[in-house]
Amino acid sequence: ANAMAHRLAEAVAGGDGVEVPVAPEANAVFARIPWDRLAPLQAWSHFWPWDPAQHLVRWMTSWATTPADVDAFVAGVAAIVGDHG
């Protein structure tokens, strides 16, 4: 789970419109996203807003998360956030 969180953080941080302000310490990734993309992202994949004032969301990985799962999630985030602006 922790390795997949690191994989996720590294992959989304390289994308347009997503910032990972701190490296994951466990299986949670805290990411800053364009807030107008929150609803479309949540409609596509369930996750929680973490700190709306700072536009932070929390994405979690588990022991069952695979590299393919991470890659698919990153692609979806890129497609939705890439529609921004």
N, C-alpha and C. Protein backbone atom coordinates (compact mmCIF):
# COMPACT_ATOMS: atom_id res chain seq x y z
N ALA A 1 0.82 -1.20 0.00
CA ALA A 1 0.00 0.00 0.00
C ALA A 1 0.87 1.26 0.00
N ASN A 2 1.91 1.24 0.81
CA ASN A 2 2.76 2.43 0.89
C ASN A 2 3.51 2.66 -0.41
N ALA A 3 4.01 1.60 -1.02
CA ALA A 3 4.72 1.73 -2.30
C ALA A 3 3.79 2.26 -3.39
N MET A 4 2.54 1.82 -3.38
CA MET A 4 1.60 2.29 -4.39
C MET A 4 1.23 3.75 -4.14
N ALA A 5 1.19 4.18 -2.88
CA ALA A 5 0.95 5.60 -2.58
C ALA A 5 2.09 6.45 -3.12
N HIS A 6 3.31 5.97 -2.95
CA HIS A 6 4.45 6.72 -3.50
C HIS A 6 4.39 6.76 -5.02
N ARG A 7 4.02 5.66 -5.63
CA ARG A 7 3.89 5.62 -7.09
C ARG A 7 2.82 6.63 -7.55
N LEU A 8 1.69 6.64 -6.85
CA LEU A 8 0.60 7.56 -7.18
C LEU A 8 1.05 9.01 -7.01
N ALA A 9 1.68 9.33 -5.90
CA ALA A 9 2.11 10.70 -5.64
C ALA A 9 3.08 11.18 -6.71
N GLU A 10 4.04 10.35 -7.06
CA GLU A 10 5.02 10.74 -8.08
C GLU A 10 4.35 10.95 -9.44
N ALA A 11 3.41 10.09 -9.78
CA ALA A 11 2.77 10.17 -11.09
C ALA A 11 1.85 11.38 -11.21
N VAL A 12 1.03 11.64 -10.20
CA VAL A 12 0.11 12.78 -10.31
C VAL A 12 0.83 14.10 -10.15
N ALA A 13 1.90 14.13 -9.38
CA ALA A 13 2.64 15.38 -9.18
C ALA A 13 3.27 15.86 -10.49
N GLY A 14 3.51 14.94 -11.41
CA GLY A 14 4.07 15.32 -12.69
C GLY A 14 3.03 15.81 -13.68
N GLY A 15 1.75 15.73 -13.30
CA GLY A 15 0.68 16.11 -14.20
C GLY A 15 0.33 17.58 -14.10
N ASP A 16 -0.44 18.02 -15.05
CA ASP A 16 -0.86 19.41 -15.11
C ASP A 16 -2.00 19.64 -14.11
N GLY A 17 -1.86 20.64 -13.26
CA GLY A 17 -2.95 21.03 -12.38
C GLY A 17 -3.03 20.29 -11.06
N VAL A 18 -2.12 19.34 -10.79
CA VAL A 18 -2.14 18.60 -9.54
C VAL A 18 -0.82 18.82 -8.83
N GLU A 19 -0.90 19.13 -7.55
CA GLU A 19 0.29 19.31 -6.73
C GLU A 19 0.20 18.38 -5.54
N VAL A 20 1.31 17.74 -5.20
CA VAL A 20 1.40 16.92 -3.99
C VAL A 20 2.35 17.66 -3.05
N PRO A 21 1.79 18.39 -2.07
CA PRO A 21 2.62 19.26 -1.24
C PRO A 21 3.57 18.53 -0.30
N VAL A 22 3.23 17.32 0.10
CA VAL A 22 4.12 16.52 0.96
C VAL A 22 4.12 15.08 0.46
N ALA A 23 5.29 14.46 0.54
CA ALA A 23 5.40 13.05 0.13
C ALA A 23 4.59 12.18 1.10
N PRO A 24 3.99 11.11 0.59
CA PRO A 24 3.23 10.24 1.49
C PRO A 24 4.15 9.58 2.52
N GLU A 25 3.63 9.45 3.74
CA GLU A 25 4.36 8.74 4.78
C GLU A 25 3.79 7.34 4.97
N ALA A 26 2.63 7.09 4.42
CA ALA A 26 2.00 5.77 4.51
C ALA A 26 1.21 5.57 3.21
N ASN A 27 -0.04 5.15 3.31
CA ASN A 27 -0.82 4.84 2.12
C ASN A 27 -1.81 5.93 1.74
N ALA A 28 -1.58 7.15 2.20
CA ALA A 28 -2.45 8.28 1.86
C ALA A 28 -1.66 9.29 1.04
N VAL A 29 -2.31 9.78 -0.02
CA VAL A 29 -1.73 10.84 -0.84
C VAL A 29 -2.62 12.06 -0.70
N PHE A 30 -2.03 13.16 -0.28
CA PHE A 30 -2.74 14.42 -0.18
C PHE A 30 -2.35 15.25 -1.38
N ALA A 31 -3.33 15.63 -2.18
CA ALA A 31 -3.07 16.33 -3.43
C ALA A 31 -3.91 17.60 -3.50
N ARG A 32 -3.32 18.62 -4.08
CA ARG A 32 -4.04 19.88 -4.32
C ARG A 32 -4.50 19.85 -5.78
N ILE A 33 -5.80 20.06 -5.97
CA ILE A 33 -6.38 20.01 -7.32
C ILE A 33 -7.15 21.30 -7.58
N PRO A 34 -7.41 21.60 -8.85
CA PRO A 34 -8.32 22.72 -9.15
C PRO A 34 -9.70 22.37 -8.56
N TRP A 35 -10.21 23.20 -7.69
CA TRP A 35 -11.41 22.84 -6.94
C TRP A 35 -12.65 22.69 -7.82
N ASP A 36 -12.67 23.32 -8.97
CA ASP A 36 -13.81 23.12 -9.86
C ASP A 36 -13.79 21.73 -10.50
N ARG A 37 -12.75 20.97 -10.30
CA ARG A 37 -12.64 19.59 -10.81
C ARG A 37 -13.02 18.57 -9.76
N LEU A 38 -13.29 19.01 -8.52
CA LEU A 38 -13.64 18.08 -7.44
C LEU A 38 -14.85 17.23 -7.79
N ALA A 39 -15.96 17.84 -8.16
CA ALA A 39 -17.18 17.07 -8.44
C ALA A 39 -16.99 16.10 -9.60
N PRO A 40 -16.40 16.51 -10.73
CA PRO A 40 -16.18 15.54 -11.80
C PRO A 40 -15.26 14.38 -11.38
N LEU A 41 -14.24 14.68 -10.58
CA LEU A 41 -13.35 13.62 -10.12
C LEU A 41 -14.09 12.66 -9.18
N GLN A 42 -14.90 13.21 -8.27
CA GLN A 42 -15.65 12.36 -7.35
C GLN A 42 -16.74 11.57 -8.06
N ALA A 43 -17.28 12.09 -9.13
CA ALA A 43 -18.26 11.33 -9.91
C ALA A 43 -17.60 10.14 -10.59
N TRP A 44 -16.33 10.28 -10.89
CA TRP A 44 -15.58 9.23 -11.57
C TRP A 44 -15.00 8.20 -10.59
N SER A 45 -14.52 8.67 -9.42
CA SER A 45 -13.90 7.78 -8.44
C SER A 45 -14.13 8.33 -7.04
N HIS A 46 -14.54 7.48 -6.12
CA HIS A 46 -14.86 7.92 -4.77
C HIS A 46 -13.58 8.25 -3.99
N PHE A 47 -13.55 9.43 -3.39
CA PHE A 47 -12.51 9.84 -2.47
C PHE A 47 -13.05 11.02 -1.68
N TRP A 48 -12.32 11.42 -0.66
CA TRP A 48 -12.78 12.50 0.23
C TRP A 48 -12.01 13.78 0.01
N PRO A 49 -12.72 14.92 0.03
CA PRO A 49 -11.99 16.18 0.15
C PRO A 49 -11.37 16.19 1.55
N TRP A 50 -10.17 16.69 1.68
CA TRP A 50 -9.50 16.70 2.97
C TRP A 50 -9.53 18.10 3.60
N ASP A 51 -9.12 19.09 2.85
CA ASP A 51 -9.09 20.47 3.35
C ASP A 51 -9.57 21.39 2.23
N PRO A 52 -10.88 21.62 2.15
CA PRO A 52 -11.41 22.44 1.06
C PRO A 52 -10.78 23.83 0.98
N ALA A 53 -10.42 24.42 2.10
CA ALA A 53 -9.84 25.76 2.08
C ALA A 53 -8.51 25.78 1.31
N GLN A 54 -7.81 24.64 1.33
CA GLN A 54 -6.53 24.55 0.62
C GLN A 54 -6.62 23.71 -0.66
N HIS A 55 -7.84 23.31 -1.02
CA HIS A 55 -8.10 22.51 -2.23
C HIS A 55 -7.39 21.16 -2.16
N LEU A 56 -7.31 20.59 -0.95
CA LEU A 56 -6.64 19.30 -0.77
C LEU A 56 -7.64 18.16 -0.73
N VAL A 57 -7.28 17.09 -1.40
CA VAL A 57 -8.04 15.85 -1.35
C VAL A 57 -7.13 14.76 -0.80
N ARG A 58 -7.75 13.66 -0.36
CA ARG A 58 -6.99 12.51 0.13
C ARG A 58 -7.32 11.31 -0.73
N TRP A 59 -6.30 10.73 -1.32
CA TRP A 59 -6.44 9.50 -2.10
C TRP A 59 -5.72 8.39 -1.34
N MET A 60 -6.36 7.24 -1.21
CA MET A 60 -5.82 6.14 -0.43
C MET A 60 -5.49 4.95 -1.33
N THR A 61 -4.45 4.23 -0.94
CA THR A 61 -4.13 2.96 -1.58
C THR A 61 -4.25 1.87 -0.52
N SER A 62 -4.31 0.62 -0.96
CA SER A 62 -4.44 -0.49 -0.02
C SER A 62 -3.47 -1.59 -0.41
N TRP A 63 -3.47 -2.63 0.39
CA TRP A 63 -2.61 -3.79 0.08
C TRP A 63 -2.99 -4.42 -1.25
N ALA A 64 -4.22 -4.19 -1.70
CA ALA A 64 -4.70 -4.80 -2.95
C ALA A 64 -4.49 -3.89 -4.17
N THR A 65 -4.00 -2.67 -3.96
CA THR A 65 -3.78 -1.74 -5.07
C THR A 65 -2.60 -2.22 -5.91
N THR A 66 -2.81 -2.30 -7.21
CA THR A 66 -1.76 -2.76 -8.13
C THR A 66 -1.18 -1.58 -8.90
N PRO A 67 0.00 -1.76 -9.51
CA PRO A 67 0.53 -0.71 -10.37
C PRO A 67 -0.46 -0.34 -11.49
N ALA A 68 -1.16 -1.32 -12.02
CA ALA A 68 -2.15 -1.03 -13.07
C ALA A 68 -3.29 -0.17 -12.53
N ASP A 69 -3.70 -0.42 -11.29
CA ASP A 69 -4.74 0.42 -10.66
C ASP A 69 -4.27 1.87 -10.56
N VAL A 70 -3.04 2.05 -10.10
CA VAL A 70 -2.48 3.39 -9.97
C VAL A 70 -2.41 4.07 -11.32
N ASP A 71 -1.91 3.36 -12.32
CA ASP A 71 -1.78 3.93 -13.66
C ASP A 71 -3.14 4.35 -14.22
N ALA A 72 -4.16 3.52 -14.00
CA ALA A 72 -5.51 3.85 -14.49
C ALA A 72 -6.06 5.08 -13.75
N PHE A 73 -5.82 5.15 -12.45
CA PHE A 73 -6.29 6.30 -11.69
C PHE A 73 -5.59 7.58 -12.14
N VAL A 74 -4.29 7.50 -12.33
CA VAL A 74 -3.53 8.66 -12.80
C VAL A 74 -4.03 9.13 -14.16
N ALA A 75 -4.31 8.19 -15.06
CA ALA A 75 -4.84 8.55 -16.37
C ALA A 75 -6.19 9.24 -16.26
N GLY A 76 -7.04 8.74 -15.38
CA GLY A 76 -8.35 9.36 -15.18
C GLY A 76 -8.24 10.76 -14.60
N VAL A 77 -7.37 10.92 -13.61
CA VAL A 77 -7.15 12.25 -13.03
C VAL A 77 -6.65 13.21 -14.11
N ALA A 78 -5.69 12.76 -14.89
CA ALA A 78 -5.14 13.62 -15.95
C ALA A 78 -6.22 14.02 -16.95
N ALA A 79 -7.07 13.09 -17.31
CA ALA A 79 -8.13 13.39 -18.28
C ALA A 79 -9.11 14.41 -17.73
N ILE A 80 -9.47 14.27 -16.46
CA ILE A 80 -10.47 15.17 -15.87
C ILE A 80 -9.85 16.52 -15.51
N VAL A 81 -8.71 16.51 -14.90
CA VAL A 81 -8.06 17.77 -14.53
C VAL A 81 -7.55 18.47 -15.80
N GLY A 82 -7.18 17.68 -16.80
CA GLY A 82 -6.72 18.26 -18.06
C GLY A 82 -7.80 19.05 -18.78
N ASP A 83 -9.07 18.76 -18.46
CA ASP A 83 -10.19 19.52 -19.03
C ASP A 83 -10.32 20.89 -18.38
N HIS A 84 -9.58 21.11 -17.31
CA HIS A 84 -9.66 22.36 -16.53
C HIS A 84 -9.18 23.54 -17.39
N GLY A 85 -9.99 24.58 -17.39
CA GLY A 85 -9.61 25.83 -18.04
C GLY A 85 -9.46 25.65 -19.51
